[in-house]
Each structure stands twice: as C-alpha cells, then as structure tokens.
Amino acid sequence: MLNSKKLAITGSGVLSPLDPHSDAEVFSGDTAIGLHSIGEEKHWMAPLHSGFEPVIAQLKKENSIYQRLDRTVHLAILATRKAMESAGWSSDQSHTDTGINIGSARGVTGELEIHHQQFLKAAHHLPAYASPATTAGSIGSWVGADLGVEGPVFSHSMTCNSGLFAIGNAMAWLRAGMAQRFLAGGTEAPLTPFTLGQMNALKIYARGHELAHPCRPLHPIKEKLAGLVLGEGAAVFAIEALEQNDQSSALAWIEGFGSCQEKPATATSVSKDGVAFAKAMQQALEQSEDKSPVDAVFLHAPGTQLGDASEMAAVKAVFGNNLPALYSTKWKTGHLFGASGPLSLAHALTTLKHQRIPEFPYAILPKRPAAGPIRKILINSAGFGGNAVSLLISQPEQNN
C-alpha cells in the first residue's frame, strides 16, 4: 500500500503531429490536419510532425532489427526514452523495479498489411521475421528490450482506450507494490490503406476536400462532410509514488481512474446517453480525496455527431449545470486511436503548466465558462465495444 504516498506523473515523452519544440502550438488556432495521399486516394489525416522523421531514421540505424519493426514500435520506443529522460531516471533504475505498459488499438498494422500483401503476391512465401514483427505484444517487448527493463513489461489492445488503460494498469501495479516506477502510455501509426478503408466504411470519416476544419468536435452546426480524422503518434508517461509533501518532481498528481463497459448499442458501440462515459467519470471523481471542482474536461469527442452527443449527455449528467471548460484535441491532431487519451493527457499537462486551456477555432456548444485558476482536469477516452475510461489529474501546489 502507498500509505502517505501519492501517484505522480514525473516525466512525459510525446511524438505527435505538432511541433515538438514549442508548447505554443498546443494553443494556436492552426490544425495539423491536411490532405495527404495514400495510394491513388487523398484523405484528411494528421501525420507525425516532420521534425520527428530524422529521429526515427536514426533509431533504425542503431540496430538492424529495428529496421524491420513497425512504425508503431518506433514511436513507442522514442516516446518511452523521452519519458524516462524527462523524469530523470538513470539506466540503472530501469531493470527489475520498473514496469512498462504500452497500449495500442491497432498495433503493428503497417507491417501486418505489408506482409499480408507479400503473402498474397509471393505464393504464400514470407520472411522468418514476419510473425514476430507483426505480433501485437511485440510493442511492449521491444520497448522493454530497448531500455533494458526486465519486467513487468507488457502491451495490450483495448480499442481507443488502450493508452489510458495502460496508465490505469500502472496505477494498480504501483499501488500493489509490484513495481517501484512505471512507464505507461499509448502508440499508434494507423495511416495505412486498410485502416483508412475501415474508417471510410463506417461512413463517419471526413471527406469534404474544401473544409477549413474537417474535424469539428462540439461544433453546433451539422456538416455532413466533416467527421473523424486519423492522426499518428505516441505519448508515454513516467509514473511513481511520491510523498505528498515532496512535490519537486511531480508534473501532476493522479487523483483517480474510472472505467466502465456497457452493452454495445451501435456499430461503433456509442450509446445515446453515454452511460459508460458517465460511470467512468463518476468513478474517477469518487476516487479523489480532493473534492474541489473539476476545472476542465478533455473530452474524447472525435468530431462525429453521435460520439460527441453521447459524451456531452454524460458530462451533463455528471456535472449538471456547473459545466467545467471543455476541450478536445481531435480538431488539431486527429484521432490517434489508442494514443489519443495519452495525447489528451499530454495537452492537459501543458494546460496545467501554462494555466491556459486551448481553444477551438470555431464556435462550440456549450459555450466555455469564465476562465479561472486551472487545477484539476478530467481526461476521457472511449472505444469500440462500449467501454469508456476517465483519468483525473491535479496540479501540485508548488506549481500553483
């Protein structure tokens, strides 16, 4: 048991469609979403910021095996390295007492698609490394091997909740005393032909090529051509237990975690009333010893009519008329599937740091309440299958 200790986020590593060298881009009115070609077709998407590509290229040169790994694994390795460096953890701290959990909704989909095409074209001939290179569990394993961690190391897929579930898992391991520190988050590289084809088949993907904002969470005006847009990236966090009076290394306290599964009501498992969302948020709030109001909710809000409406119904059920400020990263970075929750968490940490909530570049409903000190933020995530996750964080007093 933690006794007098409290779980804290002490480091972060993020690779996203945004410029890695400036927090200002989080608050700008510009979107990273653009039209890009996949094969002969153009799609709205938010690729990784070009500044990360040389780093990925350098990673591949470090080890010949890394050249065979999926982009999802590359992103996870680099994000985890950055998180560990950010936390100031030395390499001798990353063996038996450090855990790693990396979540991904789609996993190593790029390599899987490539090898499947090879399988069809080359008389069912495949290289020997095809199986280990396309196994979902290889993400966590390669991250652990890269850092020299001996365990516990694992990866999992729980749809778009995968990244936030990884943080929930880390919390459980740390509270049980089964690890001293944890690296947890999500990674996703879903900008592939088959994945985009699946999203288009759901008829929720943005398709109007002249739209200023193809993804518009909480927009009050229905736009049939706007909708979900995919992005890619990874976000991993260093988590450890600290004494509550020792806040020098805490970026944020973890106050609570909630999750709920409801019966799927639609093809995308989104219910009209957002039952899973409401229960997950309530669980996270009830776990917190600090009962002060929540200042902001970073919504899952993918920019689809049913998805946004379901989550808003849940937010209103939990908060009533005293709604906190609301925000979604999807209009700016696209939907990163299993890494979307961790990316929202990264933006929430930036919000706490600068005491400024990012804004939408268009009108939203409901309108944002008057600004005030930002101390507590709730982060939501949802996924196919009718499940939802909420994570509650707060700002250490030293940063107030």
Protein backbone atom coordinates (compact mmCIF):
# COMPACT_ATOMS: atom_id res chain seq x y z
CA MET A 1 0.00 0.00 0.00
CA LEU A 2 1.09 3.57 -0.62
CA ASN A 3 0.26 4.88 2.86
CA SER A 4 1.38 8.52 2.82
CA LYS A 5 2.50 8.39 -0.79
CA LYS A 6 0.61 9.55 -3.85
CA LEU A 7 0.95 8.61 -7.50
CA ALA A 8 2.55 11.29 -9.63
CA ILE A 9 3.42 11.82 -13.27
CA THR A 10 7.09 12.77 -13.19
CA GLY A 11 8.02 12.66 -16.86
CA SER A 12 6.49 12.61 -20.32
CA GLY A 13 7.53 11.68 -23.84
CA VAL A 14 5.38 12.77 -26.77
CA LEU A 15 5.59 12.34 -30.53
CA SER A 16 2.61 13.88 -32.29
CA PRO A 17 1.55 15.85 -35.37
CA LEU A 18 2.55 19.05 -33.52
CA ASP A 19 5.94 20.77 -33.41
CA PRO A 20 8.00 19.07 -30.66
CA HIS A 21 9.93 22.23 -29.79
CA SER A 22 7.15 24.55 -28.69
CA ASP A 23 4.20 24.40 -26.32
CA ALA A 24 2.73 27.36 -28.21
CA GLU A 25 1.40 25.11 -30.96
CA VAL A 26 -0.92 23.43 -28.43
CA PHE A 27 -2.67 26.80 -28.01
CA SER A 28 -2.57 28.03 -31.61
CA GLY A 29 -5.60 28.13 -33.88
CA ASP A 30 -3.84 26.03 -36.52
CA THR A 31 -4.59 22.39 -37.25
CA ALA A 32 -2.08 19.70 -38.17
CA ILE A 33 -4.74 18.01 -40.31
CA GLY A 34 -4.25 18.15 -44.07
CA LEU A 35 -5.00 16.25 -47.26
CA HIS A 36 -2.46 13.50 -47.92
CA SER A 37 -2.24 10.73 -50.49
CA ILE A 38 -2.44 7.05 -49.65
CA GLY A 39 -2.01 5.19 -52.89
CA GLU A 40 -4.17 6.91 -55.50
CA GLU A 41 -6.56 8.48 -52.99
CA LYS A 42 -6.35 11.56 -50.82
CA HIS A 43 -7.55 11.54 -47.23
CA TRP A 44 -7.70 14.03 -44.40
CA MET A 45 -5.12 12.98 -41.82
CA ALA A 46 -2.60 14.34 -39.33
CA PRO A 47 0.79 12.68 -39.90
CA LEU A 48 3.60 12.87 -37.40
CA HIS A 49 5.37 16.23 -37.42
CA SER A 50 8.23 16.14 -39.93
CA GLY A 51 10.70 17.07 -37.19
CA PHE A 52 10.42 13.53 -35.79
CA GLU A 53 11.30 11.72 -39.02
CA PRO A 54 15.11 12.18 -38.73
CA VAL A 55 14.93 10.79 -35.19
CA ILE A 56 13.07 7.71 -36.43
CA ALA A 57 15.61 7.29 -39.22
CA GLN A 58 18.44 7.46 -36.69
CA LEU A 59 16.70 4.88 -34.47
CA LYS A 60 16.60 2.43 -37.38
CA LYS A 61 20.35 2.81 -37.81
CA GLU A 62 21.05 1.86 -34.20
CA ASN A 63 20.10 -1.76 -34.72
CA SER A 64 19.46 -3.71 -37.92
CA ILE A 65 16.50 -5.40 -36.25
CA TYR A 66 14.87 -2.01 -35.68
CA GLN A 67 14.60 -1.58 -39.45
CA ARG A 68 12.16 -4.50 -39.53
CA LEU A 69 9.92 -3.19 -36.76
CA ASP A 70 6.62 -1.45 -37.30
CA ARG A 71 6.34 2.34 -37.11
CA THR A 72 4.11 1.86 -34.06
CA VAL A 73 7.07 0.28 -32.24
CA HIS A 74 9.46 3.03 -33.34
CA LEU A 75 7.14 5.68 -31.93
CA ALA A 76 6.74 3.76 -28.67
CA ILE A 77 10.49 3.33 -28.19
CA LEU A 78 11.22 7.00 -28.79
CA ALA A 79 8.35 8.25 -26.61
CA THR A 80 9.41 5.96 -23.76
CA ARG A 81 13.02 7.09 -23.99
CA LYS A 82 11.83 10.70 -23.82
CA ALA A 83 9.61 9.99 -20.80
CA MET A 84 12.43 8.32 -18.93
CA GLU A 85 14.80 11.19 -19.73
CA SER A 86 12.15 13.73 -18.73
CA ALA A 87 11.75 12.02 -15.35
CA GLY A 88 15.49 11.95 -14.79
CA TRP A 89 15.58 8.18 -14.41
CA SER A 90 19.03 6.75 -15.00
CA SER A 91 19.60 3.49 -16.83
CA ASP A 92 20.48 1.66 -13.61
CA GLN A 93 16.94 2.37 -12.35
CA SER A 94 15.28 0.60 -15.25
CA HIS A 95 15.80 -3.08 -14.56
CA THR A 96 13.79 -5.20 -12.13
CA ASP A 97 11.82 -2.46 -10.35
CA THR A 98 10.48 -0.62 -13.41
CA GLY A 99 7.38 -1.68 -15.34
CA ILE A 100 6.30 -0.85 -18.87
CA ASN A 101 2.80 -1.00 -20.34
CA ILE A 102 2.17 0.31 -23.86
CA GLY A 103 -1.38 0.33 -25.24
CA SER A 104 -2.31 0.35 -28.92
CA ALA A 105 -5.71 -0.11 -30.54
CA ARG A 106 -4.45 -1.33 -33.90
CA GLY A 107 -0.96 -2.46 -33.02
CA VAL A 108 1.59 -3.20 -35.72
CA THR A 109 -0.89 -2.67 -38.52
CA GLY A 110 1.57 -1.23 -41.06
CA GLU A 111 3.87 -4.27 -41.07
CA LEU A 112 0.89 -6.60 -40.91
CA GLU A 113 -0.58 -5.08 -44.09
CA ILE A 114 2.78 -5.20 -45.87
CA HIS A 115 3.41 -8.84 -45.01
CA HIS A 116 -0.13 -9.83 -45.93
CA GLN A 117 0.34 -8.28 -49.36
CA GLN A 118 3.61 -10.19 -49.71
CA PHE A 119 1.81 -13.37 -48.68
CA LEU A 120 -0.78 -12.90 -51.44
CA LYS A 121 1.69 -11.91 -54.16
CA ALA A 122 4.58 -14.29 -53.48
CA ALA A 123 2.88 -17.70 -53.43
CA HIS A 124 2.43 -17.54 -49.66
CA HIS A 125 6.16 -17.03 -49.05
CA LEU A 126 7.10 -14.89 -46.06
CA PRO A 127 10.37 -13.99 -44.32
CA ALA A 128 11.06 -15.71 -41.00
CA TYR A 129 10.70 -12.46 -39.07
CA ALA A 130 7.15 -11.82 -40.35
CA SER A 131 5.47 -13.37 -37.34
CA PRO A 132 7.47 -11.69 -34.53
CA ALA A 133 7.35 -8.37 -36.41
CA THR A 134 3.54 -8.42 -36.59
CA THR A 135 2.71 -9.71 -33.11
CA ALA A 136 0.84 -7.08 -31.09
CA GLY A 137 2.68 -7.92 -27.88
CA SER A 138 5.98 -7.10 -29.55
CA ILE A 139 5.41 -3.38 -28.92
CA GLY A 140 5.95 -3.59 -25.17
CA SER A 141 8.63 -6.25 -25.57
CA TRP A 142 10.76 -4.13 -27.88
CA VAL A 143 10.37 -1.07 -25.68
CA GLY A 144 11.47 -3.10 -22.67
CA ALA A 145 14.42 -4.58 -24.56
CA ASP A 146 15.47 -1.14 -25.76
CA LEU A 147 15.62 0.21 -22.20
CA GLY A 148 16.98 -2.97 -20.65
CA VAL A 149 13.92 -3.45 -18.44
CA GLU A 150 13.49 -6.97 -17.07
CA GLY A 151 9.84 -6.63 -16.16
CA PRO A 152 6.97 -6.36 -15.77
CA VAL A 153 6.73 -5.44 -19.46
CA PHE A 154 3.57 -5.85 -21.49
CA SER A 155 1.40 -4.30 -24.18
CA HIS A 156 -2.30 -4.66 -24.81
CA SER A 157 -5.18 -3.56 -27.00
CA MET A 158 -8.39 -2.23 -25.53
CA THR A 159 -9.57 -0.25 -28.56
CA CYS A 160 -9.12 3.54 -28.37
CA ASN A 161 -8.93 3.30 -24.57
CA SER A 162 -5.67 1.35 -24.77
CA GLY A 163 -3.36 4.21 -23.78
CA LEU A 164 -5.33 5.38 -20.76
CA PHE A 165 -5.88 1.77 -19.68
CA ALA A 166 -2.10 1.40 -19.62
CA ILE A 167 -1.95 4.23 -17.08
CA GLY A 168 -4.69 2.56 -15.05
CA ASN A 169 -2.68 -0.67 -15.11
CA ALA A 170 0.42 1.20 -13.96
CA MET A 171 -1.56 2.65 -11.06
CA ALA A 172 -2.67 -0.82 -9.98
CA TRP A 173 0.84 -2.30 -10.12
CA LEU A 174 2.32 0.60 -8.16
CA ARG A 175 -0.41 0.60 -5.52
CA ALA A 176 0.08 -3.14 -5.06
CA GLY A 177 3.81 -2.66 -4.51
CA MET A 178 4.64 -4.89 -7.51
CA ALA A 179 6.82 -2.19 -9.10
CA GLN A 180 8.57 0.96 -7.93
CA ARG A 181 8.01 3.01 -11.08
CA PHE A 182 6.17 2.62 -14.36
CA LEU A 183 6.36 3.85 -17.94
CA ALA A 184 2.87 3.78 -19.45
CA GLY A 185 1.00 5.23 -22.40
CA GLY A 186 -0.07 4.57 -25.96
CA THR A 187 1.26 4.42 -29.50
CA GLU A 188 -0.46 4.35 -32.87
CA ALA A 189 0.54 4.56 -36.55
CA PRO A 190 -2.79 3.92 -38.30
CA LEU A 191 -2.29 5.92 -41.51
CA THR A 192 -2.45 2.82 -43.71
CA PRO A 193 -4.71 1.91 -46.64
CA PHE A 194 -6.62 -0.85 -44.85
CA THR A 195 -7.20 1.19 -41.69
CA LEU A 196 -8.42 4.21 -43.65
CA GLY A 197 -10.66 1.88 -45.67
CA GLN A 198 -12.23 0.59 -42.46
CA MET A 199 -12.92 4.11 -41.21
CA ASN A 200 -14.48 5.13 -44.52
CA ALA A 201 -16.69 2.04 -44.40
CA LEU A 202 -18.20 3.33 -41.13
CA LYS A 203 -19.24 6.49 -43.01
CA ILE A 204 -18.00 8.76 -40.22
CA TYR A 205 -14.75 9.88 -41.84
CA ALA A 206 -14.30 13.47 -43.06
CA ARG A 207 -14.47 13.62 -46.85
CA GLY A 208 -15.10 17.22 -47.99
CA HIS A 209 -11.85 18.37 -49.61
CA GLU A 210 -12.58 22.09 -49.23
CA LEU A 211 -13.23 22.15 -45.47
CA ALA A 212 -11.27 24.58 -43.30
CA HIS A 213 -11.79 22.28 -40.32
CA PRO A 214 -12.62 18.73 -41.44
CA CYS A 215 -12.85 17.53 -37.82
CA ARG A 216 -15.04 19.74 -35.57
CA PRO A 217 -15.74 18.40 -32.07
CA LEU A 218 -18.66 20.16 -30.33
CA HIS A 219 -19.47 22.26 -33.39
CA PRO A 220 -23.15 23.28 -33.22
CA ILE A 221 -23.71 23.27 -37.00
CA LYS A 222 -24.13 19.92 -38.68
CA GLU A 223 -21.70 19.46 -41.57
CA LYS A 224 -22.21 16.23 -43.45
CA LEU A 225 -18.71 16.27 -44.94
CA ALA A 226 -16.90 16.83 -41.64
CA GLY A 227 -16.19 13.97 -39.27
CA LEU A 228 -13.48 11.78 -37.80
CA VAL A 229 -9.89 12.24 -39.00
CA LEU A 230 -6.96 9.97 -38.12
CA GLY A 231 -3.58 11.05 -36.78
CA GLU A 232 -0.48 9.22 -35.59
CA GLY A 233 1.86 9.47 -32.64
CA ALA A 234 2.74 8.21 -29.18
CA ALA A 235 2.65 9.54 -25.63
CA VAL A 236 4.24 7.78 -22.66
CA PHE A 237 4.50 8.92 -19.04
CA ALA A 238 6.78 8.15 -16.13
CA ILE A 239 4.68 7.39 -13.04
CA GLU A 240 5.89 6.82 -9.49
CA ALA A 241 4.75 7.14 -5.89
CA LEU A 242 5.93 10.27 -4.05
CA GLU A 243 5.42 11.58 -0.58
CA GLN A 244 2.67 14.19 -0.74
CA ASN A 245 4.99 16.80 0.78
CA ASP A 246 7.66 16.02 -1.83
CA GLN A 247 6.29 17.62 -4.99
CA SER A 248 9.52 18.81 -6.56
CA SER A 249 9.46 16.29 -9.42
CA ALA A 250 5.69 15.97 -9.93
CA LEU A 251 4.20 17.30 -13.18
CA ALA A 252 0.77 16.30 -11.87
CA TRP A 253 -0.87 14.10 -9.25
CA ILE A 254 -3.05 11.23 -10.41
CA GLU A 255 -6.26 11.63 -8.42
CA GLY A 256 -8.50 8.92 -9.83
CA PHE A 257 -9.19 6.43 -12.60
CA GLY A 258 -12.53 5.07 -13.78
CA SER A 259 -13.66 2.61 -16.44
CA CYS A 260 -16.99 1.18 -17.49
CA GLN A 261 -18.31 -1.27 -20.05
CA GLU A 262 -21.83 -1.04 -21.41
CA LYS A 263 -23.73 -3.13 -23.93
CA PRO A 264 -22.86 -2.02 -27.48
CA ALA A 265 -25.78 -0.07 -28.93
CA THR A 266 -24.47 0.73 -32.42
CA ALA A 267 -21.80 -0.37 -34.90
CA THR A 268 -19.34 1.89 -33.09
CA SER A 269 -20.77 0.96 -29.66
CA VAL A 270 -21.79 4.52 -28.84
CA SER A 271 -24.95 4.84 -26.74
CA LYS A 272 -27.26 7.83 -26.87
CA ASP A 273 -26.94 8.62 -23.15
CA GLY A 274 -23.23 7.91 -22.78
CA VAL A 275 -23.75 5.56 -19.84
CA ALA A 276 -20.18 4.24 -19.86
CA PHE A 277 -18.76 7.77 -20.02
CA ALA A 278 -20.83 8.93 -17.07
CA LYS A 279 -19.91 5.96 -14.86
CA ALA A 280 -16.21 6.19 -15.71
CA MET A 281 -16.12 9.90 -14.88
CA GLN A 282 -18.00 9.35 -11.64
CA GLN A 283 -15.62 6.58 -10.57
CA ALA A 284 -12.58 8.78 -11.20
CA LEU A 285 -14.12 11.66 -9.25
CA GLU A 286 -15.09 9.43 -6.31
CA GLN A 287 -11.55 8.05 -6.00
CA SER A 288 -10.10 11.50 -5.45
CA GLU A 289 -9.68 12.65 -1.85
CA ASP A 290 -9.69 16.22 -3.15
CA LYS A 291 -13.35 17.13 -3.72
CA SER A 292 -12.70 20.57 -5.20
CA PRO A 293 -14.39 21.24 -8.56
CA VAL A 294 -13.00 20.00 -11.85
CA ASP A 295 -11.81 22.94 -13.94
CA ALA A 296 -11.70 21.27 -17.36
CA VAL A 297 -12.64 18.07 -19.14
CA PHE A 298 -10.52 16.98 -22.07
CA LEU A 299 -13.13 15.06 -23.99
CA HIS A 300 -12.76 12.05 -26.24
CA ALA A 301 -15.08 13.92 -28.70
CA PRO A 302 -13.94 12.56 -32.09
CA GLY A 303 -15.96 15.05 -34.12
CA THR A 304 -18.75 12.63 -35.04
CA GLN A 305 -22.34 13.62 -34.34
CA LEU A 306 -23.29 10.55 -32.30
CA GLY A 307 -19.98 10.29 -30.47
CA ASP A 308 -19.90 13.94 -29.40
CA ALA A 309 -23.57 13.97 -28.39
CA SER A 310 -23.20 10.80 -26.31
CA GLU A 311 -20.26 12.19 -24.35
CA MET A 312 -21.94 15.55 -23.82
CA ALA A 313 -25.02 13.80 -22.42
CA ALA A 314 -22.73 12.05 -19.93
CA VAL A 315 -20.91 15.26 -19.00
CA LYS A 316 -24.21 17.00 -18.29
CA ALA A 317 -25.40 14.01 -16.23
CA VAL A 318 -22.26 14.17 -14.06
CA PHE A 319 -21.78 17.94 -13.74
CA GLY A 320 -25.32 19.27 -14.15
CA ASN A 321 -25.45 23.00 -14.83
CA ASN A 322 -21.95 23.62 -13.44
CA LEU A 323 -20.06 22.51 -16.51
CA PRO A 324 -16.28 22.86 -16.49
CA ALA A 325 -14.39 24.08 -19.54
CA LEU A 326 -14.49 21.52 -22.36
CA TYR A 327 -11.88 20.69 -24.98
CA SER A 328 -10.93 18.01 -27.49
CA THR A 329 -7.59 17.64 -29.27
CA LYS A 330 -9.14 15.89 -32.30
CA TRP A 331 -9.70 19.05 -34.41
CA LYS A 332 -5.97 19.78 -34.21
CA THR A 333 -4.18 16.40 -34.18
CA GLY A 334 -6.79 13.98 -35.48
CA HIS A 335 -7.80 10.81 -33.67
CA LEU A 336 -4.79 8.73 -32.60
CA PHE A 337 -6.85 5.70 -31.60
CA GLY A 338 -5.10 4.09 -28.59
CA ALA A 339 -2.72 7.03 -28.23
CA SER A 340 -5.48 9.65 -28.25
CA GLY A 341 -6.12 9.52 -24.48
CA PRO A 342 -2.42 9.86 -23.62
CA LEU A 343 -2.07 12.74 -26.10
CA SER A 344 -5.01 14.47 -24.39
CA LEU A 345 -3.21 13.89 -21.09
CA ALA A 346 -0.06 15.48 -22.54
CA HIS A 347 -2.08 18.55 -23.59
CA ALA A 348 -3.69 18.62 -20.14
CA LEU A 349 -0.23 18.73 -18.55
CA THR A 350 0.65 21.64 -20.83
CA THR A 351 -2.58 23.33 -19.76
CA LEU A 352 -1.66 22.99 -16.08
CA LYS A 353 1.84 24.25 -16.78
CA HIS A 354 0.73 27.41 -18.59
CA GLN A 355 -2.63 27.86 -16.82
CA ARG A 356 -4.33 28.20 -20.17
CA ILE A 357 -6.95 25.97 -21.78
CA PRO A 358 -6.60 25.51 -25.56
CA GLU A 359 -9.49 26.88 -27.58
CA PHE A 360 -11.39 25.73 -30.64
CA PRO A 361 -11.04 27.95 -33.74
CA TYR A 362 -14.80 27.77 -34.30
CA ALA A 363 -17.95 28.22 -32.23
CA ILE A 364 -18.89 25.38 -29.88
CA LEU A 365 -21.82 24.34 -27.74
CA PRO A 366 -21.96 24.68 -24.82
CA LYS A 367 -20.02 27.94 -24.53
CA ARG A 368 -16.90 27.98 -22.41
CA PRO A 369 -17.37 29.23 -18.81
CA ALA A 370 -15.39 32.16 -17.44
CA ALA A 371 -11.70 31.37 -17.03
CA GLY A 372 -10.18 30.87 -13.59
CA PRO A 373 -7.29 29.00 -11.98
CA ILE A 374 -6.84 25.57 -13.56
CA ARG A 375 -6.02 22.90 -11.01
CA LYS A 376 -7.97 19.74 -11.83
CA ILE A 377 -8.52 18.18 -15.25
CA LEU A 378 -10.50 15.08 -16.22
CA ILE A 379 -9.40 13.22 -19.37
CA ASN A 380 -11.86 10.97 -21.21
CA SER A 381 -11.40 8.16 -23.70
CA ALA A 382 -13.81 5.75 -25.37
CA GLY A 383 -13.58 2.83 -27.77
CA PHE A 384 -15.41 0.28 -29.87
CA GLY A 385 -17.14 -2.28 -27.70
CA GLY A 386 -18.99 0.12 -25.41
CA ASN A 387 -16.20 0.96 -22.96
CA ALA A 388 -15.00 4.28 -21.60
CA VAL A 389 -12.15 5.45 -19.37
CA SER A 390 -11.58 8.62 -17.32
CA LEU A 391 -8.40 9.84 -15.64
CA LEU A 392 -8.37 12.68 -13.12
CA ILE A 393 -5.19 14.69 -12.54
CA SER A 394 -4.39 17.72 -10.43
CA GLN A 395 -1.66 20.32 -10.30
CA PRO A 396 0.94 20.09 -7.49
CA GLU A 397 0.74 23.03 -5.10
CA GLN A 398 4.27 24.10 -5.97
CA ASN A 399 3.09 24.94 -9.48
CA ASN A 400 0.03 26.93 -8.40
